[in-house]
Amino acid sequence: MKTTLFASLALALTASLSAQEEATATKKVLRMTFIPDQNIQALEKVAAKISAYLKDATGMEVKYEKASDYTACVNGLAANKLDLVWFGGVTLMLPRKSGHPTRSREAPEG
């Protein structure tokens, strides 16, 4: 279960990264966050793994920034203080229902 969750997160973030590729091409640091979770230690563990994965995949330094709440994630992204935000499945579906393009990728089974 945890492996599947990690794979799903990594793939979703990688897909989001490709959408941001041109915007971050000249940046040296990729700033990311997640919507807060009740288990902060587990979230930070996942963030460390995804940071390492993204660093290997992109060659960029990856900085995980803690977010206080959902609104802070949205505002950080809108203010260009964050490059990647893991919002989760519900937030992914809202723009799609409004006709805005989103990119996601499902983790392979197994």
PDB file of N, CA and C in Angstrom:
ATOM      1  N   MET A   1       0.822  -1.198   0.000  1.00  0.00           N
ATOM      2  CA  MET A   1       0.000   0.000   0.000  1.00  0.00           C
ATOM      3  C   MET A   1       0.861   1.254   0.000  1.00  0.00           C
ATOM      4  N   LYS A   2       1.868   1.290   0.907  1.00  0.00           N
ATOM      5  CA  LYS A   2       2.726   2.463   0.980  1.00  0.00           C
ATOM      6  C   LYS A   2       3.531   2.621  -0.310  1.00  0.00           C
ATOM      7  N   THR A   3       3.977   1.495  -0.880  1.00  0.00           N
ATOM      8  CA  THR A   3       4.736   1.549  -2.127  1.00  0.00           C
ATOM      9  C   THR A   3       3.865   2.094  -3.257  1.00  0.00           C
ATOM     10  N   THR A   4       2.621   1.660  -3.298  1.00  0.00           N
ATOM     11  CA  THR A   4       1.701   2.145  -4.324  1.00  0.00           C
ATOM     12  C   THR A   4       1.443   3.635  -4.147  1.00  0.00           C
ATOM     13  N   LEU A   5       1.265   4.078  -2.900  1.00  0.00           N
ATOM     14  CA  LEU A   5       1.045   5.499  -2.633  1.00  0.00           C
ATOM     15  C   LEU A   5       2.260   6.308  -3.064  1.00  0.00           C
ATOM     16  N   PHE A   6       3.458   5.838  -2.703  1.00  0.00           N
ATOM     17  CA  PHE A   6       4.672   6.552  -3.087  1.00  0.00           C
ATOM     18  C   PHE A   6       4.803   6.609  -4.605  1.00  0.00           C
ATOM     19  N   ALA A   7       4.548   5.495  -5.271  1.00  0.00           N
ATOM     20  CA  ALA A   7       4.638   5.466  -6.731  1.00  0.00           C
ATOM     21  C   ALA A   7       3.623   6.415  -7.354  1.00  0.00           C
ATOM     22  N   SER A   8       2.418   6.447  -6.808  1.00  0.00           N
ATOM     23  CA  SER A   8       1.390   7.351  -7.323  1.00  0.00           C
ATOM     24  C   SER A   8       1.798   8.802  -7.157  1.00  0.00           C
ATOM     25  N   LEU A   9       2.327   9.130  -5.978  1.00  0.00           N
ATOM     26  CA  LEU A   9       2.782  10.500  -5.730  1.00  0.00           C
ATOM     27  C   LEU A   9       3.916  10.873  -6.668  1.00  0.00           C
ATOM     28  N   ALA A  10       4.872   9.989  -6.800  1.00  0.00           N
ATOM     29  CA  ALA A  10       6.027  10.278  -7.655  1.00  0.00           C
ATOM     30  C   ALA A  10       5.600  10.472  -9.106  1.00  0.00           C
ATOM     31  N   LEU A  11       4.732   9.618  -9.582  1.00  0.00           N
ATOM     32  CA  LEU A  11       4.273   9.745 -10.969  1.00  0.00           C
ATOM     33  C   LEU A  11       3.434  11.000 -11.180  1.00  0.00           C
ATOM     34  N   ALA A  12       2.583  11.320 -10.222  1.00  0.00           N
ATOM     35  CA  ALA A  12       1.771  12.535 -10.342  1.00  0.00           C
ATOM     36  C   ALA A  12       2.655  13.771 -10.347  1.00  0.00           C
ATOM     37  N   LEU A  13       3.663  13.785  -9.498  1.00  0.00           N
ATOM     38  CA  LEU A  13       4.563  14.938  -9.448  1.00  0.00           C
ATOM     39  C   LEU A  13       5.421  15.016 -10.703  1.00  0.00           C
ATOM     40  N   THR A  14       5.837  13.877 -11.222  1.00  0.00           N
ATOM     41  CA  THR A  14       6.617  13.879 -12.451  1.00  0.00           C
ATOM     42  C   THR A  14       5.786  14.429 -13.604  1.00  0.00           C
ATOM     43  N   ALA A  15       4.521  14.035 -13.663  1.00  0.00           N
ATOM     44  CA  ALA A  15       3.642  14.554 -14.715  1.00  0.00           C
ATOM     45  C   ALA A  15       3.457  16.052 -14.561  1.00  0.00           C
ATOM     46  N   SER A  16       3.292  16.507 -13.338  1.00  0.00           N
ATOM     47  CA  SER A  16       3.166  17.945 -13.095  1.00  0.00           C
ATOM     48  C   SER A  16       4.439  18.664 -13.471  1.00  0.00           C
ATOM     49  N   LEU A  17       5.565  18.026 -13.215  1.00  0.00           N
ATOM     50  CA  LEU A  17       6.856  18.624 -13.538  1.00  0.00           C
ATOM     51  C   LEU A  17       6.981  18.848 -15.035  1.00  0.00           C
ATOM     52  N   SER A  18       6.512  17.904 -15.846  1.00  0.00           N
ATOM     53  CA  SER A  18       6.622  18.094 -17.288  1.00  0.00           C
ATOM     54  C   SER A  18       5.805  19.293 -17.752  1.00  0.00           C
ATOM     55  N   ALA A  19       4.707  19.570 -17.071  1.00  0.00           N
ATOM     56  CA  ALA A  19       3.902  20.748 -17.413  1.00  0.00           C
ATOM     57  C   ALA A  19       4.617  22.036 -17.042  1.00  0.00           C
ATOM     58  N   GLN A  20       5.499  21.967 -16.066  1.00  0.00           N
ATOM     59  CA  GLN A  20       6.234  23.139 -15.598  1.00  0.00           C
ATOM     60  C   GLN A  20       7.639  23.202 -16.200  1.00  0.00           C
ATOM     61  N   GLU A  21       7.959  22.296 -17.101  1.00  0.00           N
ATOM     62  CA  GLU A  21       9.318  22.138 -17.608  1.00  0.00           C
ATOM     63  C   GLU A  21       9.930  23.445 -18.114  1.00  0.00           C
ATOM     64  N   GLU A  22       9.224  24.150 -18.973  1.00  0.00           N
ATOM     65  CA  GLU A  22       9.781  25.377 -19.517  1.00  0.00           C
ATOM     66  C   GLU A  22       9.944  26.447 -18.452  1.00  0.00           C
ATOM     67  N   ALA A  23       8.982  26.544 -17.552  1.00  0.00           N
ATOM     68  CA  ALA A  23       9.037  27.579 -16.516  1.00  0.00           C
ATOM     69  C   ALA A  23      10.179  27.352 -15.546  1.00  0.00           C
ATOM     70  N   THR A  24      10.538  26.099 -15.309  1.00  0.00           N
ATOM     71  CA  THR A  24      11.584  25.802 -14.337  1.00  0.00           C
ATOM     72  C   THR A  24      12.930  25.504 -14.987  1.00  0.00           C
ATOM     73  N   ALA A  25      13.005  25.561 -16.312  1.00  0.00           N
ATOM     74  CA  ALA A  25      14.242  25.195 -16.999  1.00  0.00           C
ATOM     75  C   ALA A  25      15.426  26.053 -16.569  1.00  0.00           C
ATOM     76  N   THR A  26      15.199  27.312 -16.270  1.00  0.00           N
ATOM     77  CA  THR A  26      16.292  28.183 -15.885  1.00  0.00           C
ATOM     78  C   THR A  26      16.467  28.269 -14.371  1.00  0.00           C
ATOM     79  N   LYS A  27      15.570  27.675 -13.623  1.00  0.00           N
ATOM     80  CA  LYS A  27      15.672  27.692 -12.167  1.00  0.00           C
ATOM     81  C   LYS A  27      16.662  26.640 -11.698  1.00  0.00           C
ATOM     82  N   LYS A  28      17.261  26.911 -10.550  1.00  0.00           N
ATOM     83  CA  LYS A  28      18.193  25.954  -9.980  1.00  0.00           C
ATOM     84  C   LYS A  28      17.550  25.143  -8.868  1.00  0.00           C
ATOM     85  N   VAL A  29      16.439  25.649  -8.325  1.00  0.00           N
ATOM     86  CA  VAL A  29      15.764  24.980  -7.219  1.00  0.00           C
ATOM     87  C   VAL A  29      14.300  24.772  -7.574  1.00  0.00           C
ATOM     88  N   LEU A  30      13.823  23.577  -7.376  1.00  0.00           N
ATOM     89  CA  LEU A  30      12.420  23.245  -7.580  1.00  0.00           C
ATOM     90  C   LEU A  30      11.765  23.258  -6.201  1.00  0.00           C
ATOM     91  N   ARG A  31      10.793  24.134  -6.012  1.00  0.00           N
ATOM     92  CA  ARG A  31      10.126  24.286  -4.708  1.00  0.00           C
ATOM     93  C   ARG A  31       8.818  23.521  -4.732  1.00  0.00           C
ATOM     94  N   MET A  32       8.639  22.619  -3.758  1.00  0.00           N
ATOM     95  CA  MET A  32       7.424  21.814  -3.739  1.00  0.00           C
ATOM     96  C   MET A  32       6.844  21.731  -2.350  1.00  0.00           C
ATOM     97  N   THR A  33       5.553  21.411  -2.302  1.00  0.00           N
ATOM     98  CA  THR A  33       4.875  21.179  -1.031  1.00  0.00           C
ATOM     99  C   THR A  33       3.728  20.203  -1.253  1.00  0.00           C
ATOM    100  N   PHE A  34       3.115  19.808  -0.172  1.00  0.00           N
ATOM    101  CA  PHE A  34       1.951  18.920  -0.179  1.00  0.00           C
ATOM    102  C   PHE A  34       0.876  19.561   0.678  1.00  0.00           C
ATOM    103  N   ILE A  35      -0.399  19.240   0.397  1.00  0.00           N
ATOM    104  CA  ILE A  35      -1.415  19.688   1.329  1.00  0.00           C
ATOM    105  C   ILE A  35      -1.108  18.998   2.663  1.00  0.00           C
ATOM    106  N   PRO A  36      -1.270  19.708   3.766  1.00  0.00           N
ATOM    107  CA  PRO A  36      -0.911  19.134   5.070  1.00  0.00           C
ATOM    108  C   PRO A  36      -1.692  17.865   5.378  1.00  0.00           C
ATOM    109  N   ASP A  37      -1.061  17.013   6.147  1.00  0.00           N
ATOM    110  CA  ASP A  37      -1.636  15.747   6.545  1.00  0.00           C
ATOM    111  C   ASP A  37      -1.566  15.659   8.060  1.00  0.00           C
ATOM    112  N   GLN A  38      -2.412  14.841   8.656  1.00  0.00           N
ATOM    113  CA  GLN A  38      -2.373  14.678  10.108  1.00  0.00           C
ATOM    114  C   GLN A  38      -1.083  14.009  10.562  1.00  0.00           C
ATOM    115  N   ASN A  39      -0.520  13.159   9.731  1.00  0.00           N
ATOM    116  CA  ASN A  39       0.724  12.468  10.079  1.00  0.00           C
ATOM    117  C   ASN A  39       1.888  13.205   9.426  1.00  0.00           C
ATOM    118  N   ILE A  40       2.397  14.208  10.090  1.00  0.00           N
ATOM    119  CA  ILE A  40       3.442  15.064   9.534  1.00  0.00           C
ATOM    120  C   ILE A  40       4.726  14.282   9.277  1.00  0.00           C
ATOM    121  N   GLN A  41       5.076  13.373  10.168  1.00  0.00           N
ATOM    122  CA  GLN A  41       6.305  12.595   9.982  1.00  0.00           C
ATOM    123  C   GLN A  41       6.238  11.741   8.724  1.00  0.00           C
ATOM    124  N   ALA A  42       5.100  11.121   8.471  1.00  0.00           N
ATOM    125  CA  ALA A  42       4.946  10.300   7.265  1.00  0.00           C
ATOM    126  C   ALA A  42       5.021  11.174   6.023  1.00  0.00           C
ATOM    127  N   LEU A  43       4.406  12.347   6.076  1.00  0.00           N
ATOM    128  CA  LEU A  43       4.430  13.272   4.945  1.00  0.00           C
ATOM    129  C   LEU A  43       5.857  13.731   4.650  1.00  0.00           C
ATOM    130  N   GLU A  44       6.613  14.044   5.690  1.00  0.00           N
ATOM    131  CA  GLU A  44       7.994  14.485   5.496  1.00  0.00           C
ATOM    132  C   GLU A  44       8.864  13.357   4.945  1.00  0.00           C
ATOM    133  N   LYS A  45       8.563  12.130   5.332  1.00  0.00           N
ATOM    134  CA  LYS A  45       9.298  10.973   4.813  1.00  0.00           C
ATOM    135  C   LYS A  45       9.042  10.812   3.304  1.00  0.00           C
ATOM    136  N   VAL A  46       7.780  10.937   2.920  1.00  0.00           N
ATOM    137  CA  VAL A  46       7.411  10.851   1.501  1.00  0.00           C
ATOM    138  C   VAL A  46       8.044  12.012   0.736  1.00  0.00           C
ATOM    139  N   ALA A  47       8.014  13.211   1.319  1.00  0.00           N
ATOM    140  CA  ALA A  47       8.603  14.382   0.674  1.00  0.00           C
ATOM    141  C   ALA A  47      10.096  14.184   0.432  1.00  0.00           C
ATOM    142  N   ALA A  48      10.791  13.592   1.380  1.00  0.00           N
ATOM    143  CA  ALA A  48      12.228  13.339   1.217  1.00  0.00           C
ATOM    144  C   ALA A  48      12.487  12.363   0.068  1.00  0.00           C
ATOM    145  N   LYS A  49      11.662  11.321  -0.026  1.00  0.00           N
ATOM    146  CA  LYS A  49      11.822  10.337  -1.101  1.00  0.00           C
ATOM    147  C   LYS A  49      11.513  10.957  -2.466  1.00  0.00           C
ATOM    148  N   ILE A  50      10.439  11.730  -2.533  1.00  0.00           N
ATOM    149  CA  ILE A  50      10.076  12.351  -3.806  1.00  0.00           C
ATOM    150  C   ILE A  50      11.103  13.411  -4.188  1.00  0.00           C
ATOM    151  N   SER A  51      11.618  14.144  -3.205  1.00  0.00           N
ATOM    152  CA  SER A  51      12.664  15.132  -3.481  1.00  0.00           C
ATOM    153  C   SER A  51      13.886  14.466  -4.105  1.00  0.00           C
ATOM    154  N   ALA A  52      14.300  13.346  -3.538  1.00  0.00           N
ATOM    155  CA  ALA A  52      15.453  12.614  -4.069  1.00  0.00           C
ATOM    156  C   ALA A  52      15.166  12.115  -5.483  1.00  0.00           C
ATOM    157  N   TYR A  53      13.961  11.589  -5.695  1.00  0.00           N
ATOM    158  CA  TYR A  53      13.571  11.099  -7.017  1.00  0.00           C
ATOM    159  C   TYR A  53      13.607  12.225  -8.046  1.00  0.00           C
ATOM    160  N   LEU A  54      12.994  13.361  -7.703  1.00  0.00           N
ATOM    161  CA  LEU A  54      12.956  14.480  -8.638  1.00  0.00           C
ATOM    162  C   LEU A  54      14.342  15.060  -8.900  1.00  0.00           C
ATOM    163  N   LYS A  55      15.182  15.074  -7.889  1.00  0.00           N
ATOM    164  CA  LYS A  55      16.552  15.562  -8.078  1.00  0.00           C
ATOM    165  C   LYS A  55      17.288  14.667  -9.070  1.00  0.00           C
ATOM    166  N   ASP A  56      17.143  13.363  -8.918  1.00  0.00           N
ATOM    167  CA  ASP A  56      17.777  12.427  -9.855  1.00  0.00           C
ATOM    168  C   ASP A  56      17.200  12.571 -11.259  1.00  0.00           C
ATOM    169  N   ALA A  57      15.887  12.763 -11.350  1.00  0.00           N
ATOM    170  CA  ALA A  57      15.214  12.839 -12.651  1.00  0.00           C
ATOM    171  C   ALA A  57      15.488  14.147 -13.387  1.00  0.00           C
ATOM    172  N   THR A  58      15.659  15.243 -12.636  1.00  0.00           N
ATOM    173  CA  THR A  58      15.788  16.548 -13.275  1.00  0.00           C
ATOM    174  C   THR A  58      17.171  17.176 -13.153  1.00  0.00           C
ATOM    175  N   GLY A  59      17.947  16.735 -12.171  1.00  0.00           N
ATOM    176  CA  GLY A  59      19.246  17.356 -11.914  1.00  0.00           C
ATOM    177  C   GLY A  59      19.132  18.655 -11.131  1.00  0.00           C
ATOM    178  N   MET A  60      17.916  19.018 -10.742  1.00  0.00           N
ATOM    179  CA  MET A  60      17.685  20.248  -9.980  1.00  0.00           C
ATOM    180  C   MET A  60      17.694  19.953  -8.490  1.00  0.00           C
ATOM    181  N   GLU A  61      18.047  20.952  -7.711  1.00  0.00           N
ATOM    182  CA  GLU A  61      17.868  20.844  -6.272  1.00  0.00           C
ATOM    183  C   GLU A  61      16.376  20.929  -6.007  1.00  0.00           C
ATOM    184  N   VAL A  62      15.891  20.172  -5.052  1.00  0.00           N
ATOM    185  CA  VAL A  62      14.476  20.169  -4.729  1.00  0.00           C
ATOM    186  C   VAL A  62      14.319  20.560  -3.263  1.00  0.00           C
ATOM    187  N   LYS A  63      13.507  21.560  -3.028  1.00  0.00           N
ATOM    188  CA  LYS A  63      13.294  22.042  -1.670  1.00  0.00           C
ATOM    189  C   LYS A  63      11.845  21.805  -1.281  1.00  0.00           C
ATOM    190  N   TYR A  64      11.659  21.014  -0.225  1.00  0.00           N
ATOM    191  CA  TYR A  64      10.317  20.785   0.317  1.00  0.00           C
ATOM    192  C   TYR A  64      10.006  21.908   1.299  1.00  0.00           C
ATOM    193  N   GLU A  65       8.891  22.567   1.094  1.00  0.00           N
ATOM    194  CA  GLU A  65       8.462  23.644   1.978  1.00  0.00           C
ATOM    195  C   GLU A  65       7.162  23.238   2.648  1.00  0.00           C
ATOM    196  N   LYS A  66       7.144  23.240   3.966  1.00  0.00           N
ATOM    197  CA  LYS A  66       5.926  22.875   4.697  1.00  0.00           C
ATOM    198  C   LYS A  66       4.854  23.931   4.461  1.00  0.00           C
ATOM    199  N   ALA A  67       3.645  23.457   4.302  1.00  0.00           N
ATOM    200  CA  ALA A  67       2.508  24.357   4.130  1.00  0.00           C
ATOM    201  C   ALA A  67       1.602  24.244   5.350  1.00  0.00           C
ATOM    202  N   SER A  68       1.071  25.370   5.791  1.00  0.00           N
ATOM    203  CA  SER A  68       0.228  25.364   6.979  1.00  0.00           C
ATOM    204  C   SER A  68      -1.170  24.816   6.694  1.00  0.00           C
ATOM    205  N   ASP A  69      -1.660  25.045   5.458  1.00  0.00           N
ATOM    206  CA  ASP A  69      -2.991  24.570   5.107  1.00  0.00           C
ATOM    207  C   ASP A  69      -3.164  24.589   3.587  1.00  0.00           C
ATOM    208  N   TYR A  70      -4.329  24.169   3.152  1.00  0.00           N
ATOM    209  CA  TYR A  70      -4.635  24.089   1.730  1.00  0.00           C
ATOM    210  C   TYR A  70      -4.511  25.461   1.060  1.00  0.00           C
ATOM    211  N   THR A  71      -5.025  26.481   1.707  1.00  0.00           N
ATOM    212  CA  THR A  71      -4.989  27.834   1.150  1.00  0.00           C
ATOM    213  C   THR A  71      -3.555  28.305   0.945  1.00  0.00           C
ATOM    214  N   ALA A  72      -2.678  27.975   1.869  1.00  0.00           N
ATOM    215  CA  ALA A  72      -1.268  28.355   1.726  1.00  0.00           C
ATOM    216  C   ALA A  72      -0.654  27.696   0.491  1.00  0.00           C
ATOM    217  N   CYS A  73      -1.051  26.475   0.193  1.00  0.00           N
ATOM    218  CA  CYS A  73      -0.562  25.788  -1.014  1.00  0.00           C
ATOM    219  C   CYS A  73      -1.031  26.521  -2.267  1.00  0.00           C
ATOM    220  N   VAL A  74      -2.311  26.856  -2.310  1.00  0.00           N
ATOM    221  CA  VAL A  74      -2.877  27.545  -3.471  1.00  0.00           C
ATOM    222  C   VAL A  74      -2.208  28.909  -3.647  1.00  0.00           C
ATOM    223  N   ASN A  75      -2.110  29.664  -2.563  1.00  0.00           N
ATOM    224  CA  ASN A  75      -1.509  30.993  -2.636  1.00  0.00           C
ATOM    225  C   ASN A  75      -0.030  30.937  -3.007  1.00  0.00           C
ATOM    226  N   GLY A  76       0.691  29.961  -2.493  1.00  0.00           N
ATOM    227  CA  GLY A  76       2.107  29.811  -2.833  1.00  0.00           C
ATOM    228  C   GLY A  76       2.313  29.512  -4.306  1.00  0.00           C
ATOM    229  N   LEU A  77       1.455  28.689  -4.851  1.00  0.00           N
ATOM    230  CA  LEU A  77       1.535  28.373  -6.276  1.00  0.00           C
ATOM    231  C   LEU A  77       1.149  29.582  -7.113  1.00  0.00           C
ATOM    232  N   ALA A  78       0.084  30.268  -6.725  1.00  0.00           N
ATOM    233  CA  ALA A  78      -0.384  31.440  -7.468  1.00  0.00           C
ATOM    234  C   ALA A  78       0.629  32.578  -7.425  1.00  0.00           C
ATOM    235  N   ALA A  79       1.362  32.705  -6.323  1.00  0.00           N
ATOM    236  CA  ALA A  79       2.349  33.779  -6.168  1.00  0.00           C
ATOM    237  C   ALA A  79       3.718  33.391  -6.710  1.00  0.00           C
ATOM    238  N   ASN A  80       3.792  32.228  -7.355  1.00  0.00           N
ATOM    239  CA  ASN A  80       5.049  31.732  -7.920  1.00  0.00           C
ATOM    240  C   ASN A  80       6.119  31.508  -6.847  1.00  0.00           C
ATOM    241  N   LYS A  81       5.680  31.159  -5.638  1.00  0.00           N
ATOM    242  CA  LYS A  81       6.615  30.815  -4.565  1.00  0.00           C
ATOM    243  C   LYS A  81       6.817  29.311  -4.487  1.00  0.00           C
ATOM    244  N   LEU A  82       5.987  28.570  -5.231  1.00  0.00           N
ATOM    245  CA  LEU A  82       6.072  27.118  -5.312  1.00  0.00           C
ATOM    246  C   LEU A  82       6.002  26.708  -6.774  1.00  0.00           C
ATOM    247  N   ASP A  83       6.685  25.615  -7.089  1.00  0.00           N
ATOM    248  CA  ASP A  83       6.659  25.100  -8.455  1.00  0.00           C
ATOM    249  C   ASP A  83       5.757  23.879  -8.582  1.00  0.00           C
ATOM    250  N   LEU A  84       5.709  23.066  -7.536  1.00  0.00           N
ATOM    251  CA  LEU A  84       4.885  21.855  -7.526  1.00  0.00           C
ATOM    252  C   LEU A  84       4.114  21.786  -6.226  1.00  0.00           C
ATOM    253  N   VAL A  85       2.844  21.419  -6.324  1.00  0.00           N
ATOM    254  CA  VAL A  85       2.036  21.210  -5.130  1.00  0.00           C
ATOM    255  C   VAL A  85       1.248  19.922  -5.322  1.00  0.00           C
ATOM    256  N   TRP A  86       1.307  19.044  -4.326  1.00  0.00           N
ATOM    257  CA  TRP A  86       0.497  17.836  -4.360  1.00  0.00           C
ATOM    258  C   TRP A  86      -0.823  18.172  -3.684  1.00  0.00           C
ATOM    259  N   PHE A  87      -1.873  18.350  -4.484  1.00  0.00           N
ATOM    260  CA  PHE A  87      -3.175  18.688  -3.953  1.00  0.00           C
ATOM    261  C   PHE A  87      -4.037  17.463  -3.683  1.00  0.00           C
ATOM    262  N   GLY A  88      -3.828  16.398  -4.411  1.00  0.00           N
ATOM    263  CA  GLY A  88      -4.650  15.214  -4.237  1.00  0.00           C
ATOM    264  C   GLY A  88      -5.705  15.101  -5.322  1.00  0.00           C
ATOM    265  N   GLY A  89      -6.454  14.026  -5.269  1.00  0.00           N
ATOM    266  CA  GLY A  89      -7.397  13.693  -6.324  1.00  0.00           C
ATOM    267  C   GLY A  89      -8.571  14.642  -6.472  1.00  0.00           C
ATOM    268  N   VAL A  90      -9.117  15.119  -5.372  1.00  0.00           N
ATOM    269  CA  VAL A  90     -10.285  15.998  -5.458  1.00  0.00           C
ATOM    270  C   VAL A  90      -9.926  17.292  -6.180  1.00  0.00           C
ATOM    271  N   THR A  91      -8.802  17.868  -5.819  1.00  0.00           N
ATOM    272  CA  THR A  91      -8.385  19.124  -6.443  1.00  0.00           C
ATOM    273  C   THR A  91      -8.075  18.922  -7.922  1.00  0.00           C
ATOM    274  N   LEU A  92      -7.584  17.778  -8.295  1.00  0.00           N
ATOM    275  CA  LEU A  92      -7.314  17.489  -9.697  1.00  0.00           C
ATOM    276  C   LEU A  92      -8.596  17.506 -10.513  1.00  0.00           C
ATOM    277  N   MET A  93      -9.675  17.013  -9.938  1.00  0.00           N
ATOM    278  CA  MET A  93     -10.929  16.904 -10.682  1.00  0.00           C
ATOM    279  C   MET A  93     -11.659  18.245 -10.831  1.00  0.00           C
ATOM    280  N   LEU A  94     -11.481  19.174  -9.903  1.00  0.00           N
ATOM    281  CA  LEU A  94     -12.186  20.454  -9.979  1.00  0.00           C
ATOM    282  C   LEU A  94     -11.868  21.235 -11.252  1.00  0.00           C
ATOM    283  N   PRO A  95     -10.584  21.419 -11.622  1.00  0.00           N
ATOM    284  CA  PRO A  95     -10.313  22.140 -12.873  1.00  0.00           C
ATOM    285  C   PRO A  95     -10.822  21.388 -14.104  1.00  0.00           C
ATOM    286  N   ARG A  96     -10.756  20.080 -14.067  1.00  0.00           N
ATOM    287  CA  ARG A  96     -11.245  19.304 -15.209  1.00  0.00           C
ATOM    288  C   ARG A  96     -12.732  19.541 -15.427  1.00  0.00           C
ATOM    289  N   LYS A  97     -13.488  19.611 -14.342  1.00  0.00           N
ATOM    290  CA  LYS A  97     -14.926  19.860 -14.464  1.00  0.00           C
ATOM    291  C   LYS A  97     -15.205  21.249 -15.012  1.00  0.00           C
ATOM    292  N   SER A  98     -14.271  22.180 -14.790  1.00  0.00           N
ATOM    293  CA  SER A  98     -14.431  23.551 -15.285  1.00  0.00           C
ATOM    294  C   SER A  98     -13.875  23.723 -16.694  1.00  0.00           C
ATOM    295  N   GLY A  99     -13.321  22.655 -17.249  1.00  0.00           N
ATOM    296  CA  GLY A  99     -12.789  22.719 -18.603  1.00  0.00           C
ATOM    297  C   GLY A  99     -11.333  23.135 -18.694  1.00  0.00           C
ATOM    298  N   HIS A 100     -10.644  23.260 -17.563  1.00  0.00           N
ATOM    299  CA  HIS A 100      -9.225  23.618 -17.574  1.00  0.00           C
ATOM    300  C   HIS A 100      -8.385  22.355 -17.719  1.00  0.00           C
ATOM    301  N   PRO A 101      -7.337  22.426 -18.531  1.00  0.00           N
ATOM    302  CA  PRO A 101      -6.508  21.230 -18.725  1.00  0.00           C
ATOM    303  C   PRO A 101      -5.681  20.907 -17.485  1.00  0.00           C
ATOM    304  N   THR A 102      -5.585  19.655 -17.165  1.00  0.00           N
ATOM    305  CA  THR A 102      -4.703  19.175 -16.096  1.00  0.00           C
ATOM    306  C   THR A 102      -3.956  17.971 -16.620  1.00  0.00           C
ATOM    307  N   ARG A 103      -2.845  17.660 -15.972  1.00  0.00           N
ATOM    308  CA  ARG A 103      -2.062  16.499 -16.382  1.00  0.00           C
ATOM    309  C   ARG A 103      -1.867  15.609 -15.181  1.00  0.00           C
ATOM    310  N   SER A 104      -2.079  14.340 -15.372  1.00  0.00           N
ATOM    311  CA  SER A 104      -1.833  13.368 -14.319  1.00  0.00           C
ATOM    312  C   SER A 104      -1.458  12.052 -14.975  1.00  0.00           C
ATOM    313  N   ARG A 105      -0.902  11.199 -14.173  1.00  0.00           N
ATOM    314  CA  ARG A 105      -0.518   9.880 -14.657  1.00  0.00           C
ATOM    315  C   ARG A 105      -0.765   8.889 -13.542  1.00  0.00           C
ATOM    316  N   GLU A 106      -1.370   7.765 -13.856  1.00  0.00           N
ATOM    317  CA  GLU A 106      -1.622   6.749 -12.855  1.00  0.00           C
ATOM    318  C   GLU A 106      -0.401   5.864 -12.702  1.00  0.00           C
ATOM    319  N   ALA A 107      -0.207   5.386 -11.499  1.00  0.00           N
ATOM    320  CA  ALA A 107       0.906   4.474 -11.227  1.00  0.00           C
ATOM    321  C   ALA A 107       0.604   3.127 -11.889  1.00  0.00           C
ATOM    322  N   PRO A 108       1.625   2.494 -12.453  1.00  0.00           N
ATOM    323  CA  PRO A 108       1.407   1.167 -13.028  1.00  0.00           C
ATOM    324  C   PRO A 108       1.080   0.171 -11.932  1.00  0.00           C
ATOM    325  N   GLU A 109       0.240  -0.789 -12.249  1.00  0.00           N
ATOM    326  CA  GLU A 109      -0.108  -1.810 -11.250  1.00  0.00           C
ATOM    327  C   GLU A 109       1.043  -2.759 -11.068  1.00  0.00           C
ATOM    328  N   GLY A 110       1.149  -3.259  -9.826  1.00  0.00           N
ATOM    329  CA  GLY A 110       2.177  -4.262  -9.559  1.00  0.00           C
ATOM    330  C   GLY A 110       3.250  -3.810  -8.731  1.00  0.00           C
TER     331      GLY A 110
END
